[in-house]
Amino acid sequence: MAIALVAGWVFGINPLTVLGLLSGDGGQQAPSAQTAPAAKPPASDREAAFVGTVLADTEEVWREQFKAQGGSYVDPKLVLFRGTIPTACGRGQAAMGPFYCPGDQKVYIDLAFYDTLRTQLGAPGDFAQAYVIAHEVGHHVQNLLGISAKLDAQRGKIPEVRMNALSVRLELQADCLAGVWAFHANRMRQVLQQGDIEEALNAAAQIGDDKLQRQSQGAVRPESFTHGTSAQRVSWFKQGIAAGRMADCNTFEAKTL
């Protein structure tokens, strides 16, 4: 469970999948829940409104990007919850943090996670929160492009260390795609304010595998990385926001990360 929670907190591989892999069932077993069933946030919830606004912004940007390449973007569904919630990937729990489920093409956001982001992970600010959402939407983009499925098809066929290395490239690409969104959102609507980019970069730096391992274990094990170092996550977000080109996010062919 502790491993799954760390995986969820670093905004990427679905912690439900991690739990499934640990139990040997491929991610379908639902973890036991000790919290109350999910409840829809009230209409007055400021954070819920903010998440919805950011998601709508990502939809506008990605529709434009897919259209420019002759494709069609399918909007993901947003699910806000507190407590536990059933998903196509298993049962989600608030402690897992945000995640994307390719089985139902939904982005699941536990609003209480933003308190964790601010108070425990040292990444306050609205744009730090926007980065989290944009990263998960980046996984949706990867799913639509067939990238996630190709990687998932390798599970069980290649050594764990190699699978971890591919996972790092997937996560860094999602960071880069988050940067692509930020570039075009600012181009279209001038959404970036003073300090916003710094908030996103700080968030990326706070959730690198090396930093999280050092904090939780007192040591760093690069062979077990699944999301990339703090420096790598910062670098790839910068790569995406520099020019807003999806082609610049091909982490799988990059010689160095």
Foldseek 3Di string as FASTA:
>chain_A
DVVLQLVLLLQEDHSLQVVCVVVVNRRAEADDFDWDEWDDDDPPDPLVVLLVVLLVLLVVLVQVVQVVVVHGDDRAAEAETAGWDQDPRHIDGLSNAWAADLRRRYTYGHSCVLVCLVPPLPQDDSLLVSLSSQLRVLVSVCSVVCNVVVLVVCVPVDDPLVNLVVLQLSQLLSLLSSLLSVQVSCVVPVPDDPCSLVSNLSSLQSSAQQNVCCVPPVGHDVSNHRHHHSVSSSVSSCQNNVPSDSVSSNSVPDPPD
